[in-house]
């Protein structure tokens, strides 16, 4: 995984990226960050700016299939200290995209 991709994933947060993957995917499909950013803000109490940053960086990852697969593989196989449910969901998402 390259440095830029690692920074994007770090900005989103590994747990957040996998836990809220469907929201980020919908933001990418609809070309709008608003619903996902509002969801993060209201559900988890992230600031508005932090929510917008997370959505925008997640969309950058999702826009490139190779980048997405690289992130999912990293999370499911190589990342340390990731809760098992997050790791398992990342593994399933990665397998679905192969």
N, C-alpha and C. Protein backbone atom coordinates (compact mmCIF):
# COMPACT_ATOMS: atom_id res chain seq x y z
N UNK A 1 0.86 -1.16 0.00
CA UNK A 1 0.00 0.00 0.00
C UNK A 1 0.91 1.23 0.00
N UNK A 2 0.63 2.16 -0.90
CA UNK A 2 1.50 3.35 -0.99
C UNK A 2 1.17 4.38 0.08
N UNK A 3 2.04 5.37 0.21
CA UNK A 3 1.90 6.37 1.28
C UNK A 3 0.62 7.18 1.19
N UNK A 4 0.24 7.55 -0.02
CA UNK A 4 -0.99 8.34 -0.19
C UNK A 4 -2.20 7.55 0.26
N UNK A 5 -2.27 6.32 -0.16
CA UNK A 5 -3.38 5.45 0.22
C UNK A 5 -3.40 5.23 1.73
N UNK A 6 -2.24 5.06 2.30
CA UNK A 6 -2.15 4.88 3.74
C UNK A 6 -2.64 6.13 4.48
N UNK A 7 -2.31 7.32 3.97
CA UNK A 7 -2.80 8.58 4.57
C UNK A 7 -4.32 8.68 4.46
N UNK A 8 -4.87 8.33 3.29
CA UNK A 8 -6.32 8.37 3.12
C UNK A 8 -6.99 7.45 4.13
N UNK A 9 -6.48 6.21 4.24
CA UNK A 9 -7.08 5.24 5.16
C UNK A 9 -6.94 5.71 6.60
N UNK A 10 -5.82 6.30 6.92
CA UNK A 10 -5.60 6.83 8.25
C UNK A 10 -6.57 7.98 8.55
N UNK A 11 -6.83 8.82 7.56
CA UNK A 11 -7.77 9.94 7.74
C UNK A 11 -9.18 9.45 8.00
N UNK A 12 -9.56 8.37 7.35
CA UNK A 12 -10.90 7.81 7.55
C UNK A 12 -10.95 7.04 8.85
N UNK A 13 -9.91 6.27 9.12
CA UNK A 13 -9.88 5.35 10.26
C UNK A 13 -10.28 3.97 9.77
N UNK A 14 -9.49 2.98 10.09
CA UNK A 14 -9.75 1.63 9.58
C UNK A 14 -11.11 1.13 10.05
N UNK A 15 -11.39 1.24 11.32
CA UNK A 15 -12.68 0.75 11.84
C UNK A 15 -13.83 1.50 11.20
N UNK A 16 -13.72 2.81 11.10
CA UNK A 16 -14.77 3.62 10.49
C UNK A 16 -14.97 3.23 9.02
N UNK A 17 -13.88 3.04 8.30
CA UNK A 17 -13.96 2.70 6.87
C UNK A 17 -14.74 1.41 6.66
N UNK A 18 -14.46 0.40 7.46
CA UNK A 18 -15.14 -0.89 7.30
C UNK A 18 -16.54 -0.86 7.91
N UNK A 19 -16.66 -0.32 9.10
CA UNK A 19 -17.96 -0.28 9.79
C UNK A 19 -19.01 0.47 8.97
N UNK A 20 -18.61 1.57 8.36
CA UNK A 20 -19.55 2.42 7.63
C UNK A 20 -19.34 2.34 6.12
N UNK A 21 -18.81 1.22 5.65
CA UNK A 21 -18.46 1.04 4.25
C UNK A 21 -19.64 1.33 3.32
N UNK A 22 -20.82 0.86 3.69
CA UNK A 22 -22.00 1.05 2.84
C UNK A 22 -22.34 2.53 2.68
N UNK A 23 -22.17 3.31 3.74
CA UNK A 23 -22.43 4.75 3.66
C UNK A 23 -21.45 5.42 2.70
N UNK A 24 -20.19 5.03 2.80
CA UNK A 24 -19.17 5.60 1.92
C UNK A 24 -19.41 5.19 0.47
N UNK A 25 -19.82 3.94 0.29
CA UNK A 25 -20.11 3.45 -1.06
C UNK A 25 -21.29 4.22 -1.67
N UNK A 26 -22.29 4.48 -0.87
CA UNK A 26 -23.44 5.25 -1.34
C UNK A 26 -23.03 6.68 -1.68
N UNK A 27 -22.14 7.26 -0.88
CA UNK A 27 -21.65 8.61 -1.16
C UNK A 27 -20.91 8.63 -2.49
N UNK A 28 -20.14 7.59 -2.77
CA UNK A 28 -19.42 7.49 -4.04
C UNK A 28 -20.39 7.34 -5.20
N UNK A 29 -21.41 6.51 -5.03
CA UNK A 29 -22.41 6.28 -6.10
C UNK A 29 -23.24 7.53 -6.39
N UNK A 30 -23.63 8.23 -5.33
CA UNK A 30 -24.50 9.39 -5.50
C UNK A 30 -23.72 10.66 -5.79
N UNK A 31 -22.40 10.60 -5.67
CA UNK A 31 -21.53 11.75 -5.88
C UNK A 31 -21.87 12.88 -4.90
N UNK A 32 -22.23 12.49 -3.68
CA UNK A 32 -22.56 13.48 -2.65
C UNK A 32 -22.08 12.98 -1.29
N UNK A 33 -21.41 13.86 -0.58
CA UNK A 33 -20.90 13.52 0.75
C UNK A 33 -21.89 13.82 1.87
N UNK A 34 -22.95 14.51 1.57
CA UNK A 34 -23.82 15.08 2.60
C UNK A 34 -24.44 14.03 3.51
N UNK A 35 -25.11 13.03 2.95
CA UNK A 35 -25.81 12.04 3.78
C UNK A 35 -24.83 11.26 4.66
N UNK A 36 -23.73 10.83 4.08
CA UNK A 36 -22.75 10.06 4.87
C UNK A 36 -22.11 10.93 5.95
N UNK A 37 -21.77 12.16 5.63
CA UNK A 37 -21.17 13.06 6.62
C UNK A 37 -22.16 13.34 7.76
N UNK A 38 -23.43 13.57 7.42
CA UNK A 38 -24.44 13.78 8.46
C UNK A 38 -24.61 12.55 9.33
N UNK A 39 -24.59 11.36 8.71
CA UNK A 39 -24.70 10.11 9.46
C UNK A 39 -23.55 9.99 10.47
N UNK A 40 -22.32 10.22 10.03
CA UNK A 40 -21.17 10.11 10.92
C UNK A 40 -21.25 11.13 12.05
N UNK A 41 -21.63 12.35 11.69
CA UNK A 41 -21.73 13.42 12.68
C UNK A 41 -22.78 13.09 13.75
N UNK A 42 -23.96 12.67 13.32
CA UNK A 42 -25.05 12.42 14.27
C UNK A 42 -24.90 11.10 15.02
N UNK A 43 -24.37 10.08 14.36
CA UNK A 43 -24.28 8.76 14.98
C UNK A 43 -23.09 8.64 15.93
N UNK A 44 -21.95 9.15 15.52
CA UNK A 44 -20.72 8.95 16.29
C UNK A 44 -20.18 10.21 16.95
N UNK A 45 -20.82 11.34 16.67
CA UNK A 45 -20.41 12.58 17.31
C UNK A 45 -19.13 13.20 16.75
N UNK A 46 -18.71 12.76 15.55
CA UNK A 46 -17.57 13.40 14.91
C UNK A 46 -17.97 14.84 14.59
N UNK A 47 -17.01 15.73 14.58
CA UNK A 47 -17.32 17.10 14.17
C UNK A 47 -17.73 17.08 12.69
N UNK A 48 -18.37 18.14 12.26
CA UNK A 48 -18.80 18.22 10.86
C UNK A 48 -17.59 18.13 9.94
N UNK A 49 -16.53 18.86 10.27
CA UNK A 49 -15.32 18.87 9.44
C UNK A 49 -14.69 17.48 9.40
N UNK A 50 -14.59 16.81 10.55
CA UNK A 50 -14.02 15.46 10.59
C UNK A 50 -14.86 14.49 9.77
N UNK A 51 -16.17 14.62 9.85
CA UNK A 51 -17.08 13.76 9.08
C UNK A 51 -16.88 13.97 7.58
N UNK A 52 -16.79 15.22 7.18
CA UNK A 52 -16.58 15.52 5.76
C UNK A 52 -15.24 14.99 5.27
N UNK A 53 -14.21 15.11 6.09
CA UNK A 53 -12.88 14.59 5.73
C UNK A 53 -12.93 13.08 5.56
N UNK A 54 -13.55 12.39 6.50
CA UNK A 54 -13.64 10.93 6.44
C UNK A 54 -14.35 10.50 5.15
N UNK A 55 -15.45 11.15 4.83
CA UNK A 55 -16.20 10.77 3.63
C UNK A 55 -15.39 11.07 2.38
N UNK A 56 -14.78 12.21 2.32
CA UNK A 56 -14.03 12.58 1.12
C UNK A 56 -12.85 11.65 0.89
N UNK A 57 -12.12 11.28 1.93
CA UNK A 57 -10.98 10.36 1.78
C UNK A 57 -11.46 8.95 1.46
N UNK A 58 -12.56 8.53 2.05
CA UNK A 58 -13.11 7.20 1.73
C UNK A 58 -13.53 7.14 0.26
N UNK A 59 -14.12 8.21 -0.23
CA UNK A 59 -14.52 8.24 -1.65
C UNK A 59 -13.32 8.15 -2.57
N UNK A 60 -12.21 8.76 -2.18
CA UNK A 60 -10.99 8.68 -3.00
C UNK A 60 -10.49 7.24 -3.07
N UNK A 61 -10.59 6.51 -1.96
CA UNK A 61 -10.20 5.10 -1.96
C UNK A 61 -11.16 4.30 -2.84
N UNK A 62 -12.45 4.54 -2.69
CA UNK A 62 -13.46 3.78 -3.43
C UNK A 62 -13.43 4.06 -4.93
N UNK A 63 -12.93 5.21 -5.32
CA UNK A 63 -12.92 5.58 -6.74
C UNK A 63 -11.93 4.75 -7.55
N UNK A 64 -10.99 4.10 -6.88
CA UNK A 64 -9.97 3.32 -7.56
C UNK A 64 -10.06 1.87 -7.08
N UNK A 65 -10.49 0.96 -7.95
CA UNK A 65 -10.70 -0.44 -7.54
C UNK A 65 -9.43 -1.07 -6.98
N UNK A 66 -8.29 -0.78 -7.61
CA UNK A 66 -7.03 -1.36 -7.11
C UNK A 66 -6.70 -0.83 -5.72
N UNK A 67 -6.94 0.45 -5.49
CA UNK A 67 -6.69 1.05 -4.18
C UNK A 67 -7.62 0.44 -3.14
N UNK A 68 -8.88 0.27 -3.51
CA UNK A 68 -9.85 -0.33 -2.59
C UNK A 68 -9.43 -1.74 -2.22
N UNK A 69 -9.10 -2.55 -3.21
CA UNK A 69 -8.69 -3.93 -2.94
C UNK A 69 -7.43 -3.97 -2.08
N UNK A 70 -6.51 -3.07 -2.34
CA UNK A 70 -5.28 -3.00 -1.55
C UNK A 70 -5.60 -2.68 -0.08
N UNK A 71 -6.49 -1.73 0.14
CA UNK A 71 -6.88 -1.37 1.51
C UNK A 71 -7.59 -2.53 2.21
N UNK A 72 -8.52 -3.16 1.51
CA UNK A 72 -9.26 -4.26 2.11
C UNK A 72 -8.34 -5.44 2.43
N UNK A 73 -7.41 -5.72 1.54
CA UNK A 73 -6.46 -6.80 1.79
C UNK A 73 -5.59 -6.46 3.00
N UNK A 74 -5.11 -5.24 3.05
CA UNK A 74 -4.28 -4.79 4.18
C UNK A 74 -5.04 -4.95 5.50
N UNK A 75 -6.28 -4.49 5.53
CA UNK A 75 -7.07 -4.54 6.76
C UNK A 75 -7.35 -5.99 7.16
N UNK A 76 -7.70 -6.82 6.19
CA UNK A 76 -8.08 -8.20 6.52
C UNK A 76 -6.88 -9.09 6.86
N UNK A 77 -5.70 -8.77 6.34
CA UNK A 77 -4.56 -9.67 6.51
C UNK A 77 -3.39 -9.10 7.31
N UNK A 78 -3.16 -7.82 7.24
CA UNK A 78 -1.89 -7.28 7.73
C UNK A 78 -2.01 -6.26 8.85
N UNK A 79 -3.11 -5.58 8.94
CA UNK A 79 -3.24 -4.53 9.95
C UNK A 79 -3.27 -5.14 11.35
N UNK A 80 -2.59 -4.50 12.27
CA UNK A 80 -2.58 -4.99 13.64
C UNK A 80 -3.67 -4.35 14.48
N UNK A 81 -3.99 -5.01 15.56
CA UNK A 81 -4.95 -4.49 16.55
C UNK A 81 -6.28 -4.05 15.96
N UNK A 82 -6.81 -4.84 15.07
CA UNK A 82 -8.12 -4.57 14.47
C UNK A 82 -9.11 -5.55 15.09
N UNK A 83 -10.28 -5.08 15.55
CA UNK A 83 -11.26 -6.02 16.11
C UNK A 83 -11.62 -7.11 15.10
N UNK A 84 -11.86 -8.30 15.59
CA UNK A 84 -12.10 -9.45 14.70
C UNK A 84 -13.31 -9.23 13.79
N UNK A 85 -14.35 -8.58 14.28
CA UNK A 85 -15.52 -8.37 13.43
C UNK A 85 -15.20 -7.43 12.26
N UNK A 86 -14.33 -6.45 12.48
CA UNK A 86 -13.92 -5.53 11.42
C UNK A 86 -13.03 -6.27 10.42
N UNK A 87 -12.11 -7.07 10.93
CA UNK A 87 -11.23 -7.85 10.06
C UNK A 87 -12.04 -8.82 9.19
N UNK A 88 -13.03 -9.47 9.79
CA UNK A 88 -13.86 -10.43 9.04
C UNK A 88 -14.70 -9.73 7.97
N UNK A 89 -15.25 -8.57 8.31
CA UNK A 89 -16.02 -7.82 7.33
C UNK A 89 -15.12 -7.35 6.18
N UNK A 90 -13.91 -6.90 6.50
CA UNK A 90 -12.95 -6.49 5.46
C UNK A 90 -12.61 -7.67 4.56
N UNK A 91 -12.42 -8.84 5.16
CA UNK A 91 -12.12 -10.04 4.38
C UNK A 91 -13.26 -10.35 3.41
N UNK A 92 -14.48 -10.27 3.90
CA UNK A 92 -15.65 -10.56 3.04
C UNK A 92 -15.75 -9.52 1.92
N UNK A 93 -15.57 -8.26 2.24
CA UNK A 93 -15.62 -7.21 1.22
C UNK A 93 -14.53 -7.42 0.18
N UNK A 94 -13.34 -7.80 0.64
CA UNK A 94 -12.23 -8.04 -0.28
C UNK A 94 -12.53 -9.22 -1.20
N UNK A 95 -13.05 -10.31 -0.63
CA UNK A 95 -13.39 -11.50 -1.42
C UNK A 95 -14.48 -11.19 -2.44
N UNK A 96 -15.44 -10.37 -2.05
CA UNK A 96 -16.54 -10.00 -2.97
C UNK A 96 -16.03 -9.20 -4.18
N UNK A 97 -14.89 -8.57 -4.03
CA UNK A 97 -14.36 -7.73 -5.12
C UNK A 97 -13.29 -8.41 -5.95
N UNK A 98 -13.02 -9.66 -5.68
CA UNK A 98 -12.02 -10.42 -6.45
C UNK A 98 -12.64 -11.03 -7.69
